[in-house]
Amino acid sequence: MKEPIIVRSFTERTEAEIARGFLEAEGIPAAIAADDLGAEGPGMTFGKPINLVVEAADVERAGELLDQSVSPDEVDAAELESEQPGS
């Protein structure tokens, strides 16, 4: 990656990996930059962000795609709603 730019920061590596996969499926090469021991130990970021980076030329499009994607909170809310009786 020539000019990596942080497009999003996460607290959970899993969320960052999902976002990376989403961008790559849309044709945008992405990488994760984190000081978390390569995800060897859960919670090892100690408050440090897990950054999703893309090339400078892709930042705007990547940001737009991530803004349009469904957040984990929205997925959780939809799952809870579908589990309600009478749904």
PDB file of N, CA and C in Angstrom:
ATOM      1  N   MET A   1       0.851  -1.167   0.000  1.00  0.00           N
ATOM      2  CA  MET A   1       0.000   0.000   0.000  1.00  0.00           C
ATOM      3  C   MET A   1       0.900   1.235   0.000  1.00  0.00           C
ATOM      4  N   LYS A   2       0.739   2.081  -0.990  1.00  0.00           N
ATOM      5  CA  LYS A   2       1.623   3.238  -1.152  1.00  0.00           C
ATOM      6  C   LYS A   2       1.380   4.313  -0.111  1.00  0.00           C
ATOM      7  N   GLU A   3       0.136   4.763  -0.001  1.00  0.00           N
ATOM      8  CA  GLU A   3      -0.203   5.826   0.939  1.00  0.00           C
ATOM      9  C   GLU A   3      -1.358   5.376   1.823  1.00  0.00           C
ATOM     10  N   PRO A   4      -1.107   4.565   2.848  1.00  0.00           N
ATOM     11  CA  PRO A   4      -2.212   4.100   3.686  1.00  0.00           C
ATOM     12  C   PRO A   4      -2.794   5.232   4.531  1.00  0.00           C
ATOM     13  N   ILE A   5      -4.109   5.328   4.502  1.00  0.00           N
ATOM     14  CA  ILE A   5      -4.835   6.334   5.269  1.00  0.00           C
ATOM     15  C   ILE A   5      -5.871   5.604   6.121  1.00  0.00           C
ATOM     16  N   ILE A   6      -6.000   6.011   7.373  1.00  0.00           N
ATOM     17  CA  ILE A   6      -7.000   5.404   8.249  1.00  0.00           C
ATOM     18  C   ILE A   6      -8.381   5.853   7.797  1.00  0.00           C
ATOM     19  N   VAL A   7      -9.236   4.878   7.488  1.00  0.00           N
ATOM     20  CA  VAL A   7     -10.602   5.194   7.072  1.00  0.00           C
ATOM     21  C   VAL A   7     -11.583   4.998   8.228  1.00  0.00           C
ATOM     22  N   ARG A   8     -11.263   4.100   9.167  1.00  0.00           N
ATOM     23  CA  ARG A   8     -12.084   3.869  10.357  1.00  0.00           C
ATOM     24  C   ARG A   8     -11.210   3.288  11.461  1.00  0.00           C
ATOM     25  N   SER A   9     -11.624   3.508  12.685  1.00  0.00           N
ATOM     26  CA  SER A   9     -10.971   2.898  13.836  1.00  0.00           C
ATOM     27  C   SER A   9     -12.013   2.092  14.604  1.00  0.00           C
ATOM     28  N   PHE A  10     -11.586   0.963  15.139  1.00  0.00           N
ATOM     29  CA  PHE A  10     -12.477   0.058  15.854  1.00  0.00           C
ATOM     30  C   PHE A  10     -11.873  -0.305  17.200  1.00  0.00           C
ATOM     31  N   THR A  11     -12.719  -0.791  18.103  1.00  0.00           N
ATOM     32  CA  THR A  11     -12.232  -1.287  19.380  1.00  0.00           C
ATOM     33  C   THR A  11     -12.144  -2.808  19.368  1.00  0.00           C
ATOM     34  N   GLU A  12     -12.828  -3.448  18.438  1.00  0.00           N
ATOM     35  CA  GLU A  12     -12.817  -4.904  18.324  1.00  0.00           C
ATOM     36  C   GLU A  12     -12.197  -5.315  16.991  1.00  0.00           C
ATOM     37  N   ARG A  13     -11.249  -6.234  17.026  1.00  0.00           N
ATOM     38  CA  ARG A  13     -10.598  -6.675  15.796  1.00  0.00           C
ATOM     39  C   ARG A  13     -11.598  -7.346  14.849  1.00  0.00           C
ATOM     40  N   THR A  14     -12.556  -8.075  15.403  1.00  0.00           N
ATOM     41  CA  THR A  14     -13.548  -8.759  14.571  1.00  0.00           C
ATOM     42  C   THR A  14     -14.310  -7.766  13.705  1.00  0.00           C
ATOM     43  N   GLU A  15     -14.718  -6.649  14.292  1.00  0.00           N
ATOM     44  CA  GLU A  15     -15.430  -5.622  13.520  1.00  0.00           C
ATOM     45  C   GLU A  15     -14.547  -5.069  12.410  1.00  0.00           C
ATOM     46  N   ALA A  16     -13.279  -4.850  12.720  1.00  0.00           N
ATOM     47  CA  ALA A  16     -12.344  -4.341  11.721  1.00  0.00           C
ATOM     48  C   ALA A  16     -12.174  -5.341  10.585  1.00  0.00           C
ATOM     49  N   GLU A  17     -12.096  -6.632  10.924  1.00  0.00           N
ATOM     50  CA  GLU A  17     -11.949  -7.677   9.897  1.00  0.00           C
ATOM     51  C   GLU A  17     -13.181  -7.740   8.998  1.00  0.00           C
ATOM     52  N   ILE A  18     -14.352  -7.602   9.581  1.00  0.00           N
ATOM     53  CA  ILE A  18     -15.585  -7.609   8.784  1.00  0.00           C
ATOM     54  C   ILE A  18     -15.595  -6.421   7.830  1.00  0.00           C
ATOM     55  N   ALA A  19     -15.248  -5.250   8.335  1.00  0.00           N
ATOM     56  CA  ALA A  19     -15.213  -4.048   7.490  1.00  0.00           C
ATOM     57  C   ALA A  19     -14.172  -4.193   6.384  1.00  0.00           C
ATOM     58  N   ARG A  20     -13.013  -4.772   6.719  1.00  0.00           N
ATOM     59  CA  ARG A  20     -11.969  -4.996   5.704  1.00  0.00           C
ATOM     60  C   ARG A  20     -12.493  -5.916   4.604  1.00  0.00           C
ATOM     61  N   GLY A  21     -13.119  -6.997   4.990  1.00  0.00           N
ATOM     62  CA  GLY A  21     -13.683  -7.926   4.006  1.00  0.00           C
ATOM     63  C   GLY A  21     -14.743  -7.276   3.141  1.00  0.00           C
ATOM     64  N   PHE A  22     -15.560  -6.440   3.756  1.00  0.00           N
ATOM     65  CA  PHE A  22     -16.600  -5.726   3.014  1.00  0.00           C
ATOM     66  C   PHE A  22     -15.979  -4.820   1.951  1.00  0.00           C
ATOM     67  N   LEU A  23     -14.966  -4.055   2.343  1.00  0.00           N
ATOM     68  CA  LEU A  23     -14.319  -3.160   1.374  1.00  0.00           C
ATOM     69  C   LEU A  23     -13.638  -3.951   0.265  1.00  0.00           C
ATOM     70  N   GLU A  24     -12.975  -5.035   0.622  1.00  0.00           N
ATOM     71  CA  GLU A  24     -12.304  -5.834  -0.399  1.00  0.00           C
ATOM     72  C   GLU A  24     -13.308  -6.461  -1.360  1.00  0.00           C
ATOM     73  N   ALA A  25     -14.476  -6.838  -0.864  1.00  0.00           N
ATOM     74  CA  ALA A  25     -15.524  -7.373  -1.734  1.00  0.00           C
ATOM     75  C   ALA A  25     -16.027  -6.314  -2.709  1.00  0.00           C
ATOM     76  N   GLU A  26     -15.872  -5.054  -2.322  1.00  0.00           N
ATOM     77  CA  GLU A  26     -16.269  -3.938  -3.184  1.00  0.00           C
ATOM     78  C   GLU A  26     -15.105  -3.466  -4.063  1.00  0.00           C
ATOM     79  N   GLY A  27     -13.996  -4.188  -4.027  1.00  0.00           N
ATOM     80  CA  GLY A  27     -12.857  -3.864  -4.885  1.00  0.00           C
ATOM     81  C   GLY A  27     -11.883  -2.861  -4.314  1.00  0.00           C
ATOM     82  N   ILE A  28     -11.959  -2.606  -3.012  1.00  0.00           N
ATOM     83  CA  ILE A  28     -11.047  -1.654  -2.376  1.00  0.00           C
ATOM     84  C   ILE A  28     -10.073  -2.424  -1.493  1.00  0.00           C
ATOM     85  N   PRO A  29      -8.789  -2.464  -1.862  1.00  0.00           N
ATOM     86  CA  PRO A  29      -7.810  -3.127  -1.010  1.00  0.00           C
ATOM     87  C   PRO A  29      -7.734  -2.427   0.352  1.00  0.00           C
ATOM     88  N   ALA A  30      -7.760  -3.197   1.422  1.00  0.00           N
ATOM     89  CA  ALA A  30      -7.730  -2.633   2.768  1.00  0.00           C
ATOM     90  C   ALA A  30      -6.847  -3.496   3.653  1.00  0.00           C
ATOM     91  N   ALA A  31      -6.372  -2.898   4.733  1.00  0.00           N
ATOM     92  CA  ALA A  31      -5.533  -3.618   5.684  1.00  0.00           C
ATOM     93  C   ALA A  31      -5.867  -3.137   7.087  1.00  0.00           C
ATOM     94  N   ILE A  32      -5.465  -3.938   8.052  1.00  0.00           N
ATOM     95  CA  ILE A  32      -5.677  -3.582   9.444  1.00  0.00           C
ATOM     96  C   ILE A  32      -4.330  -3.249  10.064  1.00  0.00           C
ATOM     97  N   ALA A  33      -4.290  -2.129  10.747  1.00  0.00           N
ATOM     98  CA  ALA A  33      -3.088  -1.706  11.462  1.00  0.00           C
ATOM     99  C   ALA A  33      -3.452  -1.636  12.942  1.00  0.00           C
ATOM    100  N   ALA A  34      -2.873  -2.547  13.720  1.00  0.00           N
ATOM    101  CA  ALA A  34      -3.212  -2.595  15.139  1.00  0.00           C
ATOM    102  C   ALA A  34      -2.031  -3.086  15.957  1.00  0.00           C
ATOM    103  N   ASP A  35      -1.954  -2.599  17.162  1.00  0.00           N
ATOM    104  CA  ASP A  35      -0.945  -3.056  18.104  1.00  0.00           C
ATOM    105  C   ASP A  35      -1.653  -3.961  19.113  1.00  0.00           C
ATOM    106  N   ASP A  36      -2.102  -5.129  18.623  1.00  0.00           N
ATOM    107  CA  ASP A  36      -2.879  -6.041  19.469  1.00  0.00           C
ATOM    108  C   ASP A  36      -2.296  -7.448  19.489  1.00  0.00           C
ATOM    109  N   LEU A  37      -1.013  -7.562  19.280  1.00  0.00           N
ATOM    110  CA  LEU A  37      -0.332  -8.855  19.270  1.00  0.00           C
ATOM    111  C   LEU A  37      -0.888  -9.789  18.216  1.00  0.00           C
ATOM    112  N   GLY A  38      -1.350  -9.226  17.104  1.00  0.00           N
ATOM    113  CA  GLY A  38      -1.896 -10.044  16.021  1.00  0.00           C
ATOM    114  C   GLY A  38      -3.134 -10.796  16.429  1.00  0.00           C
ATOM    115  N   ALA A  39      -3.907 -10.239  17.350  1.00  0.00           N
ATOM    116  CA  ALA A  39      -5.136 -10.840  17.866  1.00  0.00           C
ATOM    117  C   ALA A  39      -4.855 -12.118  18.654  1.00  0.00           C
ATOM    118  N   GLU A  40      -3.634 -12.279  19.138  1.00  0.00           N
ATOM    119  CA  GLU A  40      -3.285 -13.465  19.919  1.00  0.00           C
ATOM    120  C   GLU A  40      -4.005 -13.488  21.256  1.00  0.00           C
ATOM    121  N   GLY A  41      -4.142 -12.335  21.867  1.00  0.00           N
ATOM    122  CA  GLY A  41      -4.820 -12.285  23.159  1.00  0.00           C
ATOM    123  C   GLY A  41      -6.005 -11.352  23.082  1.00  0.00           C
ATOM    124  N   PRO A  42      -7.187 -11.824  23.448  1.00  0.00           N
ATOM    125  CA  PRO A  42      -8.361 -10.953  23.385  1.00  0.00           C
ATOM    126  C   PRO A  42      -8.201  -9.759  24.316  1.00  0.00           C
ATOM    127  N   GLY A  43      -8.639  -8.628  23.849  1.00  0.00           N
ATOM    128  CA  GLY A  43      -8.582  -7.429  24.666  1.00  0.00           C
ATOM    129  C   GLY A  43      -7.193  -6.880  24.879  1.00  0.00           C
ATOM    130  N   MET A  44      -6.260  -7.233  24.028  1.00  0.00           N
ATOM    131  CA  MET A  44      -4.883  -6.809  24.224  1.00  0.00           C
ATOM    132  C   MET A  44      -4.575  -5.441  23.625  1.00  0.00           C
ATOM    133  N   THR A  45      -5.571  -4.715  23.188  1.00  0.00           N
ATOM    134  CA  THR A  45      -5.302  -3.400  22.603  1.00  0.00           C
ATOM    135  C   THR A  45      -5.102  -2.344  23.683  1.00  0.00           C
ATOM    136  N   PHE A  46      -5.590  -2.597  24.898  1.00  0.00           N
ATOM    137  CA  PHE A  46      -5.430  -1.658  26.006  1.00  0.00           C
ATOM    138  C   PHE A  46      -5.831  -0.242  25.610  1.00  0.00           C
ATOM    139  N   GLY A  47      -6.973  -0.118  24.970  1.00  0.00           N
ATOM    140  CA  GLY A  47      -7.480   1.189  24.596  1.00  0.00           C
ATOM    141  C   GLY A  47      -6.921   1.740  23.304  1.00  0.00           C
ATOM    142  N   LYS A  48      -6.034   1.010  22.667  1.00  0.00           N
ATOM    143  CA  LYS A  48      -5.482   1.474  21.396  1.00  0.00           C
ATOM    144  C   LYS A  48      -6.441   1.093  20.276  1.00  0.00           C
ATOM    145  N   PRO A  49      -6.638   1.979  19.319  1.00  0.00           N
ATOM    146  CA  PRO A  49      -7.573   1.662  18.233  1.00  0.00           C
ATOM    147  C   PRO A  49      -7.024   0.603  17.281  1.00  0.00           C
ATOM    148  N   ILE A  50      -7.945  -0.089  16.670  1.00  0.00           N
ATOM    149  CA  ILE A  50      -7.624  -1.021  15.591  1.00  0.00           C
ATOM    150  C   ILE A  50      -8.036  -0.290  14.324  1.00  0.00           C
ATOM    151  N   ASN A  51      -7.051   0.102  13.533  1.00  0.00           N
ATOM    152  CA  ASN A  51      -7.302   0.966  12.385  1.00  0.00           C
ATOM    153  C   ASN A  51      -7.464   0.181  11.091  1.00  0.00           C
ATOM    154  N   LEU A  52      -8.464   0.573  10.338  1.00  0.00           N
ATOM    155  CA  LEU A  52      -8.678   0.035   9.000  1.00  0.00           C
ATOM    156  C   LEU A  52      -8.105   1.061   8.035  1.00  0.00           C
ATOM    157  N   VAL A  53      -7.147   0.643   7.216  1.00  0.00           N
ATOM    158  CA  VAL A  53      -6.499   1.578   6.303  1.00  0.00           C
ATOM    159  C   VAL A  53      -6.728   1.176   4.856  1.00  0.00           C
ATOM    160  N   VAL A  54      -6.792   2.198   4.013  1.00  0.00           N
ATOM    161  CA  VAL A  54      -6.912   2.018   2.566  1.00  0.00           C
ATOM    162  C   VAL A  54      -5.955   3.002   1.912  1.00  0.00           C
ATOM    163  N   GLU A  55      -5.747   2.838   0.618  1.00  0.00           N
ATOM    164  CA  GLU A  55      -4.902   3.800  -0.098  1.00  0.00           C
ATOM    165  C   GLU A  55      -5.612   5.146  -0.153  1.00  0.00           C
ATOM    166  N   ALA A  56      -4.820   6.196  -0.190  1.00  0.00           N
ATOM    167  CA  ALA A  56      -5.362   7.559  -0.186  1.00  0.00           C
ATOM    168  C   ALA A  56      -6.411   7.758  -1.280  1.00  0.00           C
ATOM    169  N   ALA A  57      -6.187   7.170  -2.435  1.00  0.00           N
ATOM    170  CA  ALA A  57      -7.114   7.344  -3.555  1.00  0.00           C
ATOM    171  C   ALA A  57      -8.480   6.716  -3.290  1.00  0.00           C
ATOM    172  N   ASP A  58      -8.557   5.774  -2.336  1.00  0.00           N
ATOM    173  CA  ASP A  58      -9.807   5.060  -2.060  1.00  0.00           C
ATOM    174  C   ASP A  58     -10.533   5.546  -0.808  1.00  0.00           C
ATOM    175  N   VAL A  59      -9.976   6.506  -0.095  1.00  0.00           N
ATOM    176  CA  VAL A  59     -10.542   6.925   1.194  1.00  0.00           C
ATOM    177  C   VAL A  59     -11.988   7.384   1.082  1.00  0.00           C
ATOM    178  N   GLU A  60     -12.283   8.237   0.140  1.00  0.00           N
ATOM    179  CA  GLU A  60     -13.643   8.789   0.037  1.00  0.00           C
ATOM    180  C   GLU A  60     -14.663   7.688  -0.246  1.00  0.00           C
ATOM    181  N   ARG A  61     -14.388   6.860  -1.233  1.00  0.00           N
ATOM    182  CA  ARG A  61     -15.330   5.790  -1.586  1.00  0.00           C
ATOM    183  C   ARG A  61     -15.471   4.786  -0.440  1.00  0.00           C
ATOM    184  N   ALA A  62     -14.360   4.438   0.192  1.00  0.00           N
ATOM    185  CA  ALA A  62     -14.400   3.501   1.317  1.00  0.00           C
ATOM    186  C   ALA A  62     -15.239   4.059   2.457  1.00  0.00           C
ATOM    187  N   GLY A  63     -15.059   5.319   2.763  1.00  0.00           N
ATOM    188  CA  GLY A  63     -15.852   5.957   3.818  1.00  0.00           C
ATOM    189  C   GLY A  63     -17.331   5.944   3.505  1.00  0.00           C
ATOM    190  N   GLU A  64     -17.670   6.238   2.251  1.00  0.00           N
ATOM    191  CA  GLU A  64     -19.078   6.224   1.845  1.00  0.00           C
ATOM    192  C   GLU A  64     -19.667   4.824   1.974  1.00  0.00           C
ATOM    193  N   LEU A  65     -18.929   3.816   1.529  1.00  0.00           N
ATOM    194  CA  LEU A  65     -19.416   2.440   1.621  1.00  0.00           C
ATOM    195  C   LEU A  65     -19.605   2.022   3.071  1.00  0.00           C
ATOM    196  N   LEU A  66     -18.669   2.366   3.928  1.00  0.00           N
ATOM    197  CA  LEU A  66     -18.790   2.007   5.335  1.00  0.00           C
ATOM    198  C   LEU A  66     -19.936   2.756   6.000  1.00  0.00           C
ATOM    199  N   ASP A  67     -20.173   4.001   5.598  1.00  0.00           N
ATOM    200  CA  ASP A  67     -21.298   4.762   6.143  1.00  0.00           C
ATOM    201  C   ASP A  67     -22.631   4.126   5.763  1.00  0.00           C
ATOM    202  N   GLN A  68     -22.689   3.519   4.587  1.00  0.00           N
ATOM    203  CA  GLN A  68     -23.929   2.913   4.095  1.00  0.00           C
ATOM    204  C   GLN A  68     -24.151   1.511   4.646  1.00  0.00           C
ATOM    205  N   SER A  69     -23.108   0.894   5.173  1.00  0.00           N
ATOM    206  CA  SER A  69     -23.233  -0.485   5.657  1.00  0.00           C
ATOM    207  C   SER A  69     -24.009  -0.508   6.971  1.00  0.00           C
ATOM    208  N   VAL A  70     -24.470  -1.670   7.333  1.00  0.00           N
ATOM    209  CA  VAL A  70     -25.241  -1.845   8.554  1.00  0.00           C
ATOM    210  C   VAL A  70     -24.284  -1.995   9.727  1.00  0.00           C
ATOM    211  N   SER A  71     -24.535  -1.254  10.792  1.00  0.00           N
ATOM    212  CA  SER A  71     -23.673  -1.333  11.970  1.00  0.00           C
ATOM    213  C   SER A  71     -24.006  -2.569  12.796  1.00  0.00           C
ATOM    214  N   PRO A  72     -23.062  -3.041  13.606  1.00  0.00           N
ATOM    215  CA  PRO A  72     -23.342  -4.194  14.475  1.00  0.00           C
ATOM    216  C   PRO A  72     -24.518  -3.948  15.410  1.00  0.00           C
ATOM    217  N   ASP A  73     -24.688  -2.707  15.885  1.00  0.00           N
ATOM    218  CA  ASP A  73     -25.819  -2.389  16.760  1.00  0.00           C
ATOM    219  C   ASP A  73     -27.142  -2.567  16.030  1.00  0.00           C
ATOM    220  N   GLU A  74     -27.173  -2.194  14.752  1.00  0.00           N
ATOM    221  CA  GLU A  74     -28.396  -2.369  13.965  1.00  0.00           C
ATOM    222  C   GLU A  74     -28.691  -3.843  13.749  1.00  0.00           C
ATOM    223  N   VAL A  75     -27.655  -4.652  13.540  1.00  0.00           N
ATOM    224  CA  VAL A  75     -27.840  -6.092  13.378  1.00  0.00           C
ATOM    225  C   VAL A  75     -28.388  -6.678  14.675  1.00  0.00           C
ATOM    226  N   ASP A  76     -27.804  -6.303  15.813  1.00  0.00           N
ATOM    227  CA  ASP A  76     -28.271  -6.799  17.108  1.00  0.00           C
ATOM    228  C   ASP A  76     -29.731  -6.422  17.349  1.00  0.00           C
ATOM    229  N   ALA A  77     -30.096  -5.177  17.029  1.00  0.00           N
ATOM    230  CA  ALA A  77     -31.475  -4.726  17.225  1.00  0.00           C
ATOM    231  C   ALA A  77     -32.429  -5.515  16.336  1.00  0.00           C
ATOM    232  N   ALA A  78     -32.029  -5.778  15.103  1.00  0.00           N
ATOM    233  CA  ALA A  78     -32.880  -6.532  14.175  1.00  0.00           C
ATOM    234  C   ALA A  78     -33.051  -7.969  14.663  1.00  0.00           C
ATOM    235  N   GLU A  79     -31.984  -8.557  15.209  1.00  0.00           N
ATOM    236  CA  GLU A  79     -32.071  -9.925  15.726  1.00  0.00           C
ATOM    237  C   GLU A  79     -33.005  -9.989  16.930  1.00  0.00           C
ATOM    238  N   LEU A  80     -32.902  -9.008  17.818  1.00  0.00           N
ATOM    239  CA  LEU A  80     -33.773  -8.976  18.987  1.00  0.00           C
ATOM    240  C   LEU A  80     -35.234  -8.820  18.572  1.00  0.00           C
ATOM    241  N   GLU A  81     -35.477  -7.957  17.613  1.00  0.00           N
ATOM    242  CA  GLU A  81     -36.827  -7.717  17.117  1.00  0.00           C
ATOM    243  C   GLU A  81     -37.418  -8.982  16.500  1.00  0.00           C
ATOM    244  N   SER A  82     -36.607  -9.727  15.761  1.00  0.00           N
ATOM    245  CA  SER A  82     -37.110 -10.933  15.108  1.00  0.00           C
ATOM    246  C   SER A  82     -37.395 -12.046  16.113  1.00  0.00           C
ATOM    247  N   GLU A  83     -36.794 -11.960  17.292  1.00  0.00           N
ATOM    248  CA  GLU A  83     -37.011 -12.976  18.317  1.00  0.00           C
ATOM    249  C   GLU A  83     -38.247 -12.691  19.162  1.00  0.00           C
ATOM    250  N   GLN A  84     -38.833 -11.500  19.031  1.00  0.00           N
ATOM    251  CA  GLN A  84     -40.014 -11.136  19.805  1.00  0.00           C
ATOM    252  C   GLN A  84     -41.219 -11.955  19.361  1.00  0.00           C
ATOM    253  N   PRO A  85     -42.020 -12.429  20.308  1.00  0.00           N
ATOM    254  CA  PRO A  85     -43.228 -13.163  19.933  1.00  0.00           C
ATOM    255  C   PRO A  85     -44.154 -12.281  19.101  1.00  0.00           C
ATOM    256  N   GLY A  86     -44.727 -12.888  18.097  1.00  0.00           N
ATOM    257  CA  GLY A  86     -45.664 -12.153  17.246  1.00  0.00           C
ATOM    258  C   GLY A  86     -45.004 -11.387  16.136  1.00  0.00           C
ATOM    259  N   SER A  87     -43.688 -11.570  15.961  1.00  0.00           N
ATOM    260  CA  SER A  87     -42.971 -10.883  14.882  1.00  0.00           C
ATOM    261  C   SER A  87     -43.053 -11.663  13.611  1.00  0.00           C
TER     262      SER A  87
END
